[in-house]
């Protein structure tokens, strides 16, 4: 079974930046795609970024140009670099690899 643990969430002001990390353990990591999802209060879980095994990243329209997903297979790490954060980015962010999910990390964008 794969275990994922997110870190790096916190409180940031609008326009600020934050880097989320996801540490993976277990037998499955690659060649699967990796993704970040988020869920805001009262909202459906939304996929914000996905990275293919070949390294192609795709993004939700709401974050395109601001977020960057990356991975380090040797370290079994997945990252989400978030720039120019907006209040509407406030959510719990989850790492996803294959069928595994992390516990989530809270990102709050507020003045």
Protein backbone atom coordinates (compact mmCIF):
# COMPACT_ATOMS: atom_id res chain seq x y z
CA UNK A 1 0.00 0.00 0.00
CA UNK A 2 1.17 3.50 -0.84
CA UNK A 3 1.23 6.13 1.86
CA UNK A 4 1.33 9.84 1.10
CA UNK A 5 2.04 12.65 3.53
CA UNK A 6 1.61 16.28 2.56
CA UNK A 7 3.36 19.20 4.15
CA UNK A 8 3.95 22.88 3.52
CA UNK A 9 0.48 24.26 3.97
CA UNK A 10 -0.23 27.29 6.06
CA UNK A 11 -1.43 30.86 6.08
CA UNK A 12 -0.26 33.18 3.33
CA UNK A 13 -1.30 36.63 2.18
CA UNK A 14 -2.86 37.23 -1.24
CA UNK A 15 -0.15 37.44 -3.85
CA UNK A 16 2.16 35.28 -1.82
CA UNK A 17 3.71 31.93 -2.61
CA UNK A 18 3.74 28.54 -1.01
CA UNK A 19 5.33 25.21 -1.84
CA UNK A 20 3.56 22.01 -0.94
CA UNK A 21 5.39 18.71 -0.64
CA UNK A 22 4.12 15.16 -0.75
CA UNK A 23 6.28 12.32 0.50
CA UNK A 24 5.40 8.90 -0.84
CA UNK A 25 6.24 5.51 0.57
CA UNK A 26 5.35 2.02 -0.52
CA UNK A 27 5.70 -0.04 -3.62
CA UNK A 28 3.84 2.14 -6.12
CA UNK A 29 5.12 5.52 -7.17
CA UNK A 30 6.03 5.50 -10.86
CA UNK A 31 5.20 5.24 -13.73
CA UNK A 32 1.84 6.51 -12.54
CA UNK A 33 0.70 10.06 -12.96
CA UNK A 34 0.72 12.21 -9.85
CA UNK A 35 -1.75 14.91 -9.03
CA UNK A 36 -2.80 17.56 -6.58
CA UNK A 37 -6.42 18.10 -5.66
CA UNK A 38 -8.06 20.61 -3.41
CA UNK A 39 -11.35 20.89 -1.60
CA UNK A 40 -12.75 24.14 -0.33
CA UNK A 41 -15.53 24.25 2.27
CA UNK A 42 -18.85 23.34 0.71
CA UNK A 43 -17.24 22.46 -2.60
CA UNK A 44 -16.42 19.35 -4.58
CA UNK A 45 -12.90 18.07 -4.63
CA UNK A 46 -11.15 19.66 -7.61
CA UNK A 47 -8.10 18.45 -9.45
CA UNK A 48 -5.75 21.38 -9.79
CA UNK A 49 -2.67 19.80 -11.34
CA UNK A 50 -1.57 16.50 -12.80
CA UNK A 51 1.85 15.38 -13.94
CA UNK A 52 2.17 12.52 -16.40
CA UNK A 53 4.94 9.91 -16.10
CA UNK A 54 6.59 11.60 -19.06
CA UNK A 55 6.68 14.93 -17.27
CA UNK A 56 3.81 16.77 -18.89
CA UNK A 57 1.87 18.93 -16.49
CA UNK A 58 -1.71 20.03 -16.94
CA UNK A 59 -3.61 22.46 -14.78
CA UNK A 60 -7.07 23.61 -13.95
CA UNK A 61 -7.93 26.90 -15.59
CA UNK A 62 -8.21 28.53 -12.19
CA UNK A 63 -4.54 27.90 -11.38
CA UNK A 64 -2.87 27.76 -14.78
CA UNK A 65 0.12 30.04 -14.95
CA UNK A 66 0.34 30.26 -11.17
CA UNK A 67 0.89 26.67 -10.01
CA UNK A 68 3.58 24.21 -11.04
CA UNK A 69 3.59 20.51 -10.28
CA UNK A 70 6.83 18.54 -10.20
CA UNK A 71 8.18 15.25 -8.93
CA UNK A 72 11.42 13.66 -7.84
CA UNK A 73 11.17 9.93 -8.32
CA UNK A 74 14.47 9.21 -6.58
CA UNK A 75 13.22 10.96 -3.46
CA UNK A 76 9.63 9.79 -3.92
CA UNK A 77 8.46 13.36 -3.63
CA UNK A 78 5.77 15.36 -5.38
CA UNK A 79 5.65 19.13 -5.19
CA UNK A 80 3.21 21.90 -5.91
CA UNK A 81 4.65 25.39 -6.25
CA UNK A 82 1.91 27.96 -5.84
CA UNK A 83 2.47 31.59 -6.78
CA UNK A 84 0.29 34.68 -6.78
CA UNK A 85 -2.09 33.03 -4.38
CA UNK A 86 -5.65 34.26 -4.17
CA UNK A 87 -8.26 33.93 -1.43
CA UNK A 88 -10.18 31.51 -3.64
CA UNK A 89 -7.20 29.15 -3.45
CA UNK A 90 -8.05 28.52 0.18
CA UNK A 91 -8.69 24.80 0.54
CA UNK A 92 -7.35 21.56 1.86
CA UNK A 93 -4.84 20.28 -0.67
CA UNK A 94 -4.39 16.57 -1.27
CA UNK A 95 -1.68 14.63 -3.02
CA UNK A 96 -2.77 11.73 -5.22
CA UNK A 97 -0.66 8.93 -6.67
CA UNK A 98 -2.58 6.15 -8.36
CA UNK A 99 -5.26 5.21 -5.81
CA UNK A 100 -3.44 6.63 -2.80
CA UNK A 101 -4.35 9.89 -1.09
CA UNK A 102 -2.64 11.94 1.53
CA UNK A 103 -4.33 13.30 4.61
CA UNK A 104 -4.38 16.81 3.21
CA UNK A 105 -2.73 20.06 4.16
CA UNK A 106 -4.59 23.30 4.78
CA UNK A 107 -3.79 26.32 2.66
CA UNK A 108 -5.38 29.58 3.75
CA UNK A 109 -4.95 32.73 1.68
CA UNK A 110 -6.06 35.74 3.64
CA UNK A 111 -5.02 39.20 4.70
